[in-house]
Amino acid sequence: HELTFNANPLADANDHREMHSLPRDENASYYEFEKIVLGRQNECVSWSAHSSCTKDFYVYVYTRVGERKFLCCNPRCDRAASGPYVSSYKEETVKEGGVDVER
């Protein structure tokens, strides 16, 4: 199944922004994905090797794009048109060997 990361893939995010008269932006999202068909299930995986299941077996390949941030796509949000961007990760400081390290 397709994963969701609390944001739409880049193309979908930009389509949504455009539909609501917001400018397209290379940082509208922080990922894109591609669905790749590996073949028929009975040809690709051992648990289906002797079955008659001929449904496609596929994987999703996710790629980070842009920076680790994205724009809000809510047309009622003041920040949606020009930012600031929303971080796609949470920074934290941890102690490693008695030293503060940012992650």
Protein backbone atom coordinates (compact mmCIF):
# COMPACT_ATOMS: atom_id res chain seq x y z
CA HIS A 1 0.00 0.00 0.00
CA GLU A 2 1.03 3.55 -0.62
CA LEU A 3 2.43 5.30 2.45
CA THR A 4 1.41 8.78 3.51
CA PHE A 5 3.85 11.13 5.17
CA ASN A 6 1.46 13.80 6.41
CA ALA A 7 1.91 15.53 3.05
CA ASN A 8 1.01 14.81 -0.56
CA PRO A 9 3.64 13.87 -3.15
CA LEU A 10 5.05 16.88 -5.02
CA ALA A 11 2.90 16.61 -8.17
CA ASP A 12 -0.31 16.13 -6.17
CA ALA A 13 0.55 18.96 -3.78
CA ASN A 14 1.15 21.35 -6.67
CA ASP A 15 -2.06 20.26 -8.41
CA HIS A 16 -3.95 20.94 -5.17
CA ARG A 17 -2.26 24.34 -4.78
CA GLU A 18 -3.09 25.28 -8.37
CA MET A 19 -6.72 24.19 -7.95
CA HIS A 20 -6.98 26.68 -5.06
CA SER A 21 -5.20 29.52 -6.91
CA LEU A 22 -1.97 29.09 -4.93
CA PRO A 23 1.36 29.24 -6.77
CA ARG A 24 3.14 26.02 -7.71
CA ASP A 25 6.35 25.60 -5.72
CA GLU A 26 9.26 23.14 -5.85
CA ASN A 27 8.92 22.85 -2.08
CA ALA A 28 5.16 22.17 -2.06
CA SER A 29 6.17 18.72 -0.77
CA TYR A 30 9.33 16.92 0.25
CA TYR A 31 8.85 13.63 -1.61
CA GLU A 32 7.61 11.97 -4.76
CA PHE A 33 7.01 8.31 -5.47
CA GLU A 34 6.80 5.86 -8.31
CA LYS A 35 4.75 2.65 -8.41
CA ILE A 36 6.74 -0.12 -10.11
CA VAL A 37 5.21 -3.40 -11.26
CA LEU A 38 7.62 -6.30 -10.69
CA GLY A 39 5.47 -8.85 -12.49
CA ARG A 40 2.66 -11.26 -11.70
CA GLN A 41 2.44 -12.51 -8.10
CA ASN A 42 2.80 -16.16 -9.06
CA GLU A 43 6.04 -15.26 -10.89
CA CYS A 44 7.57 -12.91 -8.28
CA VAL A 45 7.05 -14.24 -4.78
CA SER A 46 7.64 -17.68 -3.35
CA TRP A 47 4.33 -17.87 -1.48
CA SER A 48 2.46 -17.57 -4.78
CA ALA A 49 4.79 -19.68 -6.92
CA HIS A 50 2.33 -22.54 -7.39
CA SER A 51 -0.85 -20.52 -7.27
CA SER A 52 -3.00 -19.19 -10.06
CA CYS A 53 -2.76 -15.62 -8.72
CA THR A 54 -1.88 -13.43 -11.68
CA LYS A 55 -2.43 -10.05 -10.03
CA ASP A 56 0.39 -7.58 -10.44
CA PHE A 57 2.98 -7.47 -7.67
CA TYR A 58 4.34 -3.95 -7.23
CA VAL A 59 6.46 -1.78 -4.98
CA TYR A 60 6.57 1.94 -4.29
CA VAL A 61 9.86 3.82 -4.57
CA TYR A 62 9.96 7.05 -2.57
CA THR A 63 12.40 9.86 -3.33
CA ARG A 64 13.08 12.92 -1.22
CA VAL A 65 12.91 16.10 -3.26
CA GLY A 66 13.85 19.64 -2.42
CA GLU A 67 14.63 20.47 1.13
CA ARG A 68 13.23 18.89 4.28
CA LYS A 69 10.28 21.26 4.30
CA PHE A 70 7.00 21.84 2.52
CA LEU A 71 4.37 24.53 2.05
CA CYS A 72 0.94 24.39 3.59
CA CYS A 73 -1.66 23.60 0.89
CA ASN A 74 -4.72 24.80 2.80
CA PRO A 75 -6.19 27.67 0.75
CA ARG A 76 -7.49 29.32 3.95
CA CYS A 77 -4.03 29.38 5.53
CA ASP A 78 -2.16 32.70 5.43
CA ARG A 79 1.16 30.83 5.19
CA ALA A 80 0.10 28.72 2.18
CA ALA A 81 1.00 31.25 -0.50
CA SER A 82 4.43 32.35 0.63
CA GLY A 83 5.49 30.46 3.72
CA PRO A 84 7.04 30.06 6.11
CA TYR A 85 7.66 26.46 5.21
CA VAL A 86 6.66 23.57 7.47
CA SER A 87 9.53 21.32 8.55
CA SER A 88 9.20 17.66 7.52
CA TYR A 89 11.24 16.52 10.50
CA LYS A 90 11.71 17.37 14.14
CA GLU A 91 15.11 18.54 15.30
CA GLU A 92 16.23 17.38 18.70
CA THR A 93 19.34 17.57 20.81
CA VAL A 94 20.59 14.38 22.45
CA LYS A 95 23.57 13.62 24.64
CA GLU A 96 26.15 11.29 23.15
CA GLY A 97 29.19 10.65 25.31
CA GLY A 98 28.40 13.75 27.37
CA VAL A 99 28.23 15.98 24.27
CA ASP A 100 25.08 17.63 22.88
CA VAL A 101 24.43 16.43 19.33
CA GLU A 102 21.67 17.88 17.10
CA ARG A 103 19.70 15.47 14.93
